[in-house]
Amino acid sequence: MPEVVVTEPGGTARALTAPAGATILDLARREDLALEGTCGGQMACATCHVVIAAEWYGRLPTPSAEERDMLELAARPRRTSRLGCQVRLTPDLDGLAFTVIGE
């Protein structure tokens, strides 16, 4: 089970263990993180917007064109922004760090 480091909107960082194969959105719901996910993970909104730590961004699969389009609707998107519903946590992402962007 991969461990991730989540920085919440207030700046508090927490280390969390995620079931392998879960998405960041799944983890957020399980751990009651401030990540909305209005569309339920269907990539029809940008309310699960997170910012991946720069050193980890290149290790993730490239975002699809659809995800990039949705990220344009996100609040304060950054170069390493991703939708939490599209980032699947695998054992090779053990240690992944990301920040939840509060709306």
C-alpha atoms as a PDB file:
ATOM      1  CA  MET A   1       0.000   0.000   0.000  1.00  0.00           C
ATOM      2  CA  PRO A   2       1.575   3.280  -1.068  1.00  0.00           C
ATOM      3  CA  GLU A   3       2.086   6.044   1.445  1.00  0.00           C
ATOM      4  CA  VAL A   4       1.474   9.596   0.270  1.00  0.00           C
ATOM      5  CA  VAL A   5       2.103  12.978   1.845  1.00  0.00           C
ATOM      6  CA  VAL A   6      -0.847  15.344   1.580  1.00  0.00           C
ATOM      7  CA  THR A   7      -0.632  19.050   2.331  1.00  0.00           C
ATOM      8  CA  GLU A   8      -4.068  20.396   3.142  1.00  0.00           C
ATOM      9  CA  PRO A   9      -5.316  23.931   2.307  1.00  0.00           C
ATOM     10  CA  GLY A  10      -4.305  25.251   5.736  1.00  0.00           C
ATOM     11  CA  GLY A  11      -0.732  24.009   5.272  1.00  0.00           C
ATOM     12  CA  THR A  12      -0.907  20.921   7.474  1.00  0.00           C
ATOM     13  CA  ALA A  13       0.936  17.939   5.990  1.00  0.00           C
ATOM     14  CA  ARG A  14      -0.163  14.391   6.721  1.00  0.00           C
ATOM     15  CA  ALA A  15       1.258  11.019   5.718  1.00  0.00           C
ATOM     16  CA  LEU A  16      -1.524   8.653   4.644  1.00  0.00           C
ATOM     17  CA  THR A  17      -1.557   5.071   3.456  1.00  0.00           C
ATOM     18  CA  ALA A  18      -3.646   4.413   0.374  1.00  0.00           C
ATOM     19  CA  PRO A  19      -4.935   1.113  -0.951  1.00  0.00           C
ATOM     20  CA  ALA A  20      -3.033   0.275  -4.142  1.00  0.00           C
ATOM     21  CA  GLY A  21      -5.178   1.110  -7.148  1.00  0.00           C
ATOM     22  CA  ALA A  22      -7.207   3.798  -5.384  1.00  0.00           C
ATOM     23  CA  THR A  23      -7.258   7.292  -6.843  1.00  0.00           C
ATOM     24  CA  ILE A  24      -6.343  10.433  -4.945  1.00  0.00           C
ATOM     25  CA  LEU A  25     -10.081  11.219  -4.901  1.00  0.00           C
ATOM     26  CA  ASP A  26     -10.829   7.803  -3.349  1.00  0.00           C
ATOM     27  CA  LEU A  27      -8.215   8.476  -0.672  1.00  0.00           C
ATOM     28  CA  ALA A  28      -9.617  11.957  -0.038  1.00  0.00           C
ATOM     29  CA  ARG A  29     -13.078  10.567   0.575  1.00  0.00           C
ATOM     30  CA  ARG A  30     -11.750   7.843   2.866  1.00  0.00           C
ATOM     31  CA  GLU A  31      -9.632  10.290   4.878  1.00  0.00           C
ATOM     32  CA  ASP A  32     -12.107  13.209   4.837  1.00  0.00           C
ATOM     33  CA  LEU A  33      -9.768  15.548   2.958  1.00  0.00           C
ATOM     34  CA  ALA A  34     -11.097  18.856   1.607  1.00  0.00           C
ATOM     35  CA  LEU A  35     -11.377  17.547  -1.939  1.00  0.00           C
ATOM     36  CA  GLU A  36     -14.900  17.813  -3.303  1.00  0.00           C
ATOM     37  CA  GLY A  37     -15.086  15.592  -6.394  1.00  0.00           C
ATOM     38  CA  THR A  38     -18.557  16.820  -7.362  1.00  0.00           C
ATOM     39  CA  CYS A  39     -18.846  14.636 -10.473  1.00  0.00           C
ATOM     40  CA  GLY A  40     -17.918  11.480  -8.578  1.00  0.00           C
ATOM     41  CA  GLY A  41     -14.704  10.924 -10.493  1.00  0.00           C
ATOM     42  CA  GLN A  42     -16.203  11.087 -13.989  1.00  0.00           C
ATOM     43  CA  MET A  43     -13.817  13.886 -15.100  1.00  0.00           C
ATOM     44  CA  ALA A  44     -16.729  16.246 -15.674  1.00  0.00           C
ATOM     45  CA  CYS A  45     -15.544  18.959 -13.264  1.00  0.00           C
ATOM     46  CA  ALA A  46     -12.334  20.202 -11.669  1.00  0.00           C
ATOM     47  CA  THR A  47     -13.315  20.049  -7.996  1.00  0.00           C
ATOM     48  CA  CYS A  48     -10.748  17.339  -7.224  1.00  0.00           C
ATOM     49  CA  HIS A  49      -7.863  19.563  -8.360  1.00  0.00           C
ATOM     50  CA  VAL A  50      -4.553  18.845  -6.625  1.00  0.00           C
ATOM     51  CA  VAL A  51      -1.014  20.077  -7.196  1.00  0.00           C
ATOM     52  CA  ILE A  52       1.541  17.310  -7.444  1.00  0.00           C
ATOM     53  CA  ALA A  53       4.995  18.031  -5.989  1.00  0.00           C
ATOM     54  CA  ALA A  54       7.322  18.933  -8.860  1.00  0.00           C
ATOM     55  CA  GLU A  55       9.682  16.023  -8.187  1.00  0.00           C
ATOM     56  CA  TRP A  56       6.788  13.567  -8.570  1.00  0.00           C
ATOM     57  CA  TYR A  57       4.910  15.077 -11.500  1.00  0.00           C
ATOM     58  CA  GLY A  58       7.080  13.458 -14.182  1.00  0.00           C
ATOM     59  CA  ARG A  59       6.576  10.012 -12.645  1.00  0.00           C
ATOM     60  CA  LEU A  60       2.841  10.108 -13.283  1.00  0.00           C
ATOM     61  CA  PRO A  61       1.239   9.060 -16.552  1.00  0.00           C
ATOM     62  CA  THR A  62       0.722  12.018 -18.879  1.00  0.00           C
ATOM     63  CA  PRO A  63      -2.694  13.650 -18.394  1.00  0.00           C
ATOM     64  CA  SER A  64      -5.170  13.048 -21.197  1.00  0.00           C
ATOM     65  CA  ALA A  65      -6.391  15.898 -23.409  1.00  0.00           C
ATOM     66  CA  GLU A  66      -9.729  15.709 -21.576  1.00  0.00           C
ATOM     67  CA  GLU A  67      -8.029  16.112 -18.201  1.00  0.00           C
ATOM     68  CA  ARG A  68      -5.990  19.074 -19.459  1.00  0.00           C
ATOM     69  CA  ASP A  69      -9.232  20.686 -20.689  1.00  0.00           C
ATOM     70  CA  MET A  70     -10.865  20.209 -17.288  1.00  0.00           C
ATOM     71  CA  LEU A  71      -7.821  21.618 -15.500  1.00  0.00           C
ATOM     72  CA  GLU A  72      -8.336  24.873 -17.381  1.00  0.00           C
ATOM     73  CA  LEU A  73     -11.539  25.233 -15.323  1.00  0.00           C
ATOM     74  CA  ALA A  74      -9.750  24.602 -12.006  1.00  0.00           C
ATOM     75  CA  ALA A  75      -9.196  27.301  -9.415  1.00  0.00           C
ATOM     76  CA  ARG A  76      -5.590  28.490  -9.559  1.00  0.00           C
ATOM     77  CA  PRO A  77      -4.157  25.733 -11.812  1.00  0.00           C
ATOM     78  CA  ARG A  78      -0.398  25.251 -11.772  1.00  0.00           C
ATOM     79  CA  ARG A  79       2.124  23.528 -14.024  1.00  0.00           C
ATOM     80  CA  THR A  80       1.889  20.334 -11.934  1.00  0.00           C
ATOM     81  CA  SER A  81      -1.895  20.376 -11.436  1.00  0.00           C
ATOM     82  CA  ARG A  82      -3.835  17.146 -11.856  1.00  0.00           C
ATOM     83  CA  LEU A  83      -7.361  15.941 -11.188  1.00  0.00           C
ATOM     84  CA  GLY A  84      -7.353  13.659  -8.172  1.00  0.00           C
ATOM     85  CA  CYS A  85      -9.832  11.323  -9.854  1.00  0.00           C
ATOM     86  CA  GLN A  86      -7.283  10.641 -12.606  1.00  0.00           C
ATOM     87  CA  VAL A  87      -4.234   9.830 -10.457  1.00  0.00           C
ATOM     88  CA  ARG A  88      -4.228   6.156  -9.524  1.00  0.00           C
ATOM     89  CA  LEU A  89      -1.995   5.324  -6.553  1.00  0.00           C
ATOM     90  CA  THR A  90       0.306   2.416  -7.337  1.00  0.00           C
ATOM     91  CA  PRO A  91       3.194   0.940  -5.332  1.00  0.00           C
ATOM     92  CA  ASP A  92       5.725   2.788  -7.512  1.00  0.00           C
ATOM     93  CA  LEU A  93       4.172   6.071  -6.302  1.00  0.00           C
ATOM     94  CA  ASP A  94       5.071   5.316  -2.672  1.00  0.00           C
ATOM     95  CA  GLY A  95       6.041   8.685  -1.175  1.00  0.00           C
ATOM     96  CA  LEU A  96       4.022  10.786  -3.629  1.00  0.00           C
ATOM     97  CA  ALA A  97       3.463  14.319  -2.321  1.00  0.00           C
ATOM     98  CA  PHE A  98       0.606  16.581  -3.342  1.00  0.00           C
ATOM     99  CA  THR A  99      -1.314  19.614  -2.146  1.00  0.00           C
ATOM    100  CA  VAL A 100      -5.084  19.940  -1.936  1.00  0.00           C
ATOM    101  CA  ILE A 101      -6.193  23.273  -3.362  1.00  0.00           C
ATOM    102  CA  GLY A 102      -9.090  24.665  -1.358  1.00  0.00           C
ATOM    103  CA  GLU A 103     -11.783  26.340  -3.436  1.00  0.00           C
END
